[in-house]
Amino acid sequence: MFSEMDLKFLDDPEKSFGETEKIYMATREGFASDYEEVNKWMRNWKLSDDQLGELMIDVKENEDDPIKGAQKWVEENQDTVDEWME
């Protein structure tokens, strides 16, 4: 929604709507050594709110083929994707 409309966060001093959320990964023991490239990508994977919103819009606009929407986002954000593999 934030990517489609000019929405603003309201002050919430009592944290009625919770606090900032984070996404964490969990893998099995030995995953990092078994899948070094994937593990590196997962550790480096970060998106700003704007980037995530754009990705969600691209996927939504391609409901019949969400992979096509994701591929579009990757093509338009290759610099970001490349950073994940550094």
N, C-alpha and C. Protein backbone atom coordinates (compact mmCIF):
# COMPACT_ATOMS: atom_id res chain seq x y z
N MET A 1 0.80 -1.19 0.00
CA MET A 1 0.00 0.00 0.00
C MET A 1 0.85 1.26 0.00
N PHE A 2 1.93 1.24 0.80
CA PHE A 2 2.77 2.43 0.90
C PHE A 2 3.41 2.78 -0.43
N SER A 3 3.64 1.77 -1.28
CA SER A 3 4.24 2.03 -2.59
C SER A 3 3.22 2.54 -3.59
N GLU A 4 1.97 2.22 -3.37
CA GLU A 4 0.93 2.64 -4.30
C GLU A 4 0.32 3.98 -3.93
N MET A 5 0.34 4.33 -2.65
CA MET A 5 -0.29 5.56 -2.19
C MET A 5 0.67 6.30 -1.26
N ASP A 6 0.43 7.58 -1.11
CA ASP A 6 1.28 8.40 -0.26
C ASP A 6 0.79 8.31 1.19
N LEU A 7 1.02 7.16 1.83
CA LEU A 7 0.60 6.96 3.21
C LEU A 7 1.70 7.39 4.15
N LYS A 8 1.32 7.77 5.34
CA LYS A 8 2.28 8.21 6.36
C LYS A 8 2.03 7.43 7.64
N PHE A 9 3.09 7.17 8.38
CA PHE A 9 2.95 6.59 9.70
C PHE A 9 2.57 7.69 10.69
N LEU A 10 1.63 7.41 11.56
CA LEU A 10 1.26 8.34 12.61
C LEU A 10 2.14 8.08 13.82
N ASP A 11 2.31 9.11 14.65
CA ASP A 11 3.04 8.91 15.90
C ASP A 11 2.27 7.90 16.74
N ASP A 12 2.99 7.01 17.38
CA ASP A 12 2.37 5.96 18.19
C ASP A 12 3.21 5.77 19.45
N PRO A 13 3.23 6.79 20.33
CA PRO A 13 4.10 6.71 21.51
C PRO A 13 3.78 5.54 22.43
N GLU A 14 2.55 5.04 22.40
CA GLU A 14 2.19 3.91 23.26
C GLU A 14 2.39 2.57 22.57
N LYS A 15 2.90 2.61 21.35
CA LYS A 15 3.20 1.40 20.57
C LYS A 15 1.96 0.51 20.41
N SER A 16 0.83 1.15 20.16
CA SER A 16 -0.44 0.42 19.98
C SER A 16 -0.37 -0.51 18.77
N PHE A 17 0.40 -0.13 17.78
CA PHE A 17 0.51 -0.93 16.56
C PHE A 17 1.80 -1.74 16.52
N GLY A 18 2.46 -1.87 17.64
CA GLY A 18 3.69 -2.64 17.70
C GLY A 18 4.90 -1.81 17.33
N GLU A 19 6.02 -2.49 17.22
CA GLU A 19 7.28 -1.82 16.89
C GLU A 19 7.77 -2.31 15.54
N THR A 20 8.91 -1.77 15.12
CA THR A 20 9.51 -2.17 13.86
C THR A 20 9.73 -3.68 13.86
N GLU A 21 9.39 -4.29 12.74
CA GLU A 21 9.55 -5.73 12.63
C GLU A 21 10.76 -6.07 11.78
N LYS A 22 11.31 -7.23 12.03
CA LYS A 22 12.44 -7.73 11.25
C LYS A 22 12.14 -9.15 10.84
N ILE A 23 12.75 -9.55 9.76
CA ILE A 23 12.63 -10.92 9.28
C ILE A 23 13.95 -11.62 9.55
N TYR A 24 13.88 -12.76 10.19
CA TYR A 24 15.08 -13.54 10.49
C TYR A 24 15.03 -14.86 9.75
N MET A 25 16.18 -15.41 9.46
CA MET A 25 16.22 -16.70 8.79
C MET A 25 16.61 -17.77 9.80
N ALA A 26 16.14 -18.95 9.55
CA ALA A 26 16.50 -20.10 10.37
C ALA A 26 16.80 -21.26 9.42
N THR A 27 17.87 -21.94 9.68
CA THR A 27 18.24 -23.08 8.84
C THR A 27 18.62 -24.24 9.75
N ARG A 28 18.86 -25.35 9.14
CA ARG A 28 19.28 -26.52 9.91
C ARG A 28 20.79 -26.46 10.17
N GLU A 29 21.23 -27.21 11.13
CA GLU A 29 22.66 -27.30 11.43
C GLU A 29 23.38 -27.86 10.20
N GLY A 30 24.45 -27.22 9.79
CA GLY A 30 25.23 -27.65 8.64
C GLY A 30 24.80 -27.01 7.33
N PHE A 31 23.70 -26.26 7.34
CA PHE A 31 23.21 -25.65 6.10
C PHE A 31 24.26 -24.72 5.50
N ALA A 32 24.87 -23.88 6.34
CA ALA A 32 25.83 -22.88 5.85
C ALA A 32 26.99 -23.54 5.11
N SER A 33 27.47 -24.65 5.60
CA SER A 33 28.58 -25.30 4.91
C SER A 33 28.11 -26.12 3.71
N ASP A 34 26.90 -26.64 3.75
CA ASP A 34 26.37 -27.41 2.63
C ASP A 34 25.97 -26.53 1.45
N TYR A 35 25.51 -25.31 1.76
CA TYR A 35 25.01 -24.41 0.74
C TYR A 35 25.59 -23.02 0.95
N GLU A 36 26.89 -22.90 0.75
CA GLU A 36 27.60 -21.64 1.04
C GLU A 36 27.04 -20.47 0.25
N GLU A 37 26.80 -20.65 -1.05
CA GLU A 37 26.29 -19.54 -1.88
C GLU A 37 24.92 -19.08 -1.42
N VAL A 38 24.04 -20.02 -1.16
CA VAL A 38 22.69 -19.67 -0.71
C VAL A 38 22.75 -19.00 0.66
N ASN A 39 23.56 -19.53 1.54
CA ASN A 39 23.71 -18.95 2.87
C ASN A 39 24.22 -17.52 2.80
N LYS A 40 25.20 -17.28 1.92
CA LYS A 40 25.73 -15.93 1.76
C LYS A 40 24.63 -14.99 1.28
N TRP A 41 23.87 -15.43 0.29
CA TRP A 41 22.77 -14.63 -0.23
C TRP A 41 21.75 -14.32 0.86
N MET A 42 21.40 -15.31 1.64
CA MET A 42 20.40 -15.11 2.70
C MET A 42 20.90 -14.12 3.75
N ARG A 43 22.17 -14.17 4.07
CA ARG A 43 22.72 -13.25 5.08
C ARG A 43 22.80 -11.82 4.56
N ASN A 44 23.02 -11.65 3.27
CA ASN A 44 23.16 -10.32 2.68
C ASN A 44 21.84 -9.73 2.20
N TRP A 45 20.79 -10.53 2.13
CA TRP A 45 19.52 -10.11 1.57
C TRP A 45 18.87 -9.06 2.46
N LYS A 46 18.72 -7.86 1.91
CA LYS A 46 18.08 -6.76 2.62
C LYS A 46 17.31 -5.93 1.60
N LEU A 47 16.12 -5.50 1.98
CA LEU A 47 15.32 -4.63 1.15
C LEU A 47 14.79 -3.49 2.00
N SER A 48 14.80 -2.29 1.43
CA SER A 48 14.16 -1.17 2.12
C SER A 48 12.65 -1.34 1.98
N ASP A 49 11.90 -0.58 2.72
CA ASP A 49 10.45 -0.62 2.60
C ASP A 49 10.02 -0.30 1.17
N ASP A 50 10.67 0.68 0.56
CA ASP A 50 10.34 1.06 -0.82
C ASP A 50 10.63 -0.09 -1.79
N GLN A 51 11.78 -0.72 -1.64
CA GLN A 51 12.14 -1.83 -2.53
C GLN A 51 11.15 -2.99 -2.38
N LEU A 52 10.82 -3.31 -1.15
CA LEU A 52 9.87 -4.40 -0.90
C LEU A 52 8.51 -4.06 -1.50
N GLY A 53 8.09 -2.81 -1.34
CA GLY A 53 6.82 -2.38 -1.91
C GLY A 53 6.81 -2.50 -3.42
N GLU A 54 7.90 -2.09 -4.07
CA GLU A 54 7.99 -2.19 -5.53
C GLU A 54 7.94 -3.65 -5.98
N LEU A 55 8.64 -4.52 -5.26
CA LEU A 55 8.63 -5.94 -5.58
C LEU A 55 7.21 -6.50 -5.45
N MET A 56 6.53 -6.13 -4.38
CA MET A 56 5.17 -6.62 -4.17
C MET A 56 4.23 -6.14 -5.28
N ILE A 57 4.41 -4.90 -5.72
CA ILE A 57 3.58 -4.38 -6.81
C ILE A 57 3.85 -5.15 -8.10
N ASP A 58 5.13 -5.38 -8.41
CA ASP A 58 5.47 -6.12 -9.64
C ASP A 58 4.87 -7.52 -9.62
N VAL A 59 4.91 -8.17 -8.46
CA VAL A 59 4.33 -9.52 -8.35
C VAL A 59 2.81 -9.45 -8.48
N LYS A 60 2.21 -8.48 -7.80
CA LYS A 60 0.75 -8.33 -7.85
C LYS A 60 0.26 -8.04 -9.27
N GLU A 61 1.01 -7.22 -10.00
CA GLU A 61 0.61 -6.88 -11.37
C GLU A 61 0.74 -8.07 -12.32
N ASN A 62 1.39 -9.11 -11.88
CA ASN A 62 1.55 -10.33 -12.68
C ASN A 62 0.98 -11.52 -11.92
N GLU A 63 -0.24 -11.38 -11.44
CA GLU A 63 -0.86 -12.43 -10.62
C GLU A 63 -0.86 -13.79 -11.30
N ASP A 64 -1.05 -13.81 -12.60
CA ASP A 64 -1.09 -15.08 -13.32
C ASP A 64 0.29 -15.73 -13.40
N ASP A 65 1.33 -14.93 -13.30
CA ASP A 65 2.70 -15.43 -13.37
C ASP A 65 3.58 -14.59 -12.45
N PRO A 66 3.48 -14.80 -11.12
CA PRO A 66 4.22 -13.96 -10.18
C PRO A 66 5.74 -14.01 -10.38
N ILE A 67 6.25 -15.10 -10.90
CA ILE A 67 7.69 -15.20 -11.18
C ILE A 67 8.08 -14.13 -12.20
N LYS A 68 7.22 -13.90 -13.17
CA LYS A 68 7.48 -12.85 -14.17
C LYS A 68 7.60 -11.49 -13.50
N GLY A 69 6.74 -11.21 -12.52
CA GLY A 69 6.82 -9.96 -11.78
C GLY A 69 8.12 -9.85 -11.00
N ALA A 70 8.53 -10.95 -10.36
CA ALA A 70 9.78 -10.96 -9.61
C ALA A 70 10.97 -10.77 -10.55
N GLN A 71 10.93 -11.40 -11.70
CA GLN A 71 12.01 -11.25 -12.68
C GLN A 71 12.11 -9.81 -13.15
N LYS A 72 10.97 -9.16 -13.34
CA LYS A 72 10.97 -7.75 -13.75
C LYS A 72 11.66 -6.91 -12.69
N TRP A 73 11.32 -7.17 -11.41
CA TRP A 73 11.93 -6.41 -10.32
C TRP A 73 13.45 -6.65 -10.29
N VAL A 74 13.86 -7.89 -10.45
CA VAL A 74 15.29 -8.21 -10.44
C VAL A 74 16.01 -7.47 -11.57
N GLU A 75 15.44 -7.48 -12.76
CA GLU A 75 16.06 -6.79 -13.89
C GLU A 75 16.22 -5.30 -13.62
N GLU A 76 15.24 -4.70 -12.95
CA GLU A 76 15.27 -3.27 -12.67
C GLU A 76 16.12 -2.93 -11.44
N ASN A 77 16.50 -3.94 -10.67
CA ASN A 77 17.25 -3.73 -9.43
C ASN A 77 18.47 -4.63 -9.36
N GLN A 78 19.10 -4.85 -10.50
CA GLN A 78 20.23 -5.78 -10.56
C GLN A 78 21.37 -5.36 -9.63
N ASP A 79 21.57 -4.05 -9.44
CA ASP A 79 22.63 -3.59 -8.53
C ASP A 79 22.40 -4.12 -7.12
N THR A 80 21.17 -4.06 -6.67
CA THR A 80 20.82 -4.56 -5.34
C THR A 80 21.04 -6.06 -5.25
N VAL A 81 20.59 -6.77 -6.25
CA VAL A 81 20.74 -8.23 -6.28
C VAL A 81 22.23 -8.60 -6.27
N ASP A 82 23.04 -7.86 -7.02
CA ASP A 82 24.49 -8.12 -7.06
C ASP A 82 25.12 -7.92 -5.69
N GLU A 83 24.65 -6.91 -4.95
CA GLU A 83 25.19 -6.65 -3.60
C GLU A 83 24.94 -7.84 -2.67
N TRP A 84 23.83 -8.55 -2.87
CA TRP A 84 23.53 -9.69 -2.02
C TRP A 84 24.55 -10.81 -2.18
N MET A 85 25.24 -10.85 -3.32
CA MET A 85 26.20 -11.92 -3.58
C MET A 85 27.64 -11.52 -3.28
N GLU A 86 27.85 -10.33 -2.77
CA GLU A 86 29.22 -9.90 -2.45
C GLU A 86 29.70 -10.53 -1.17
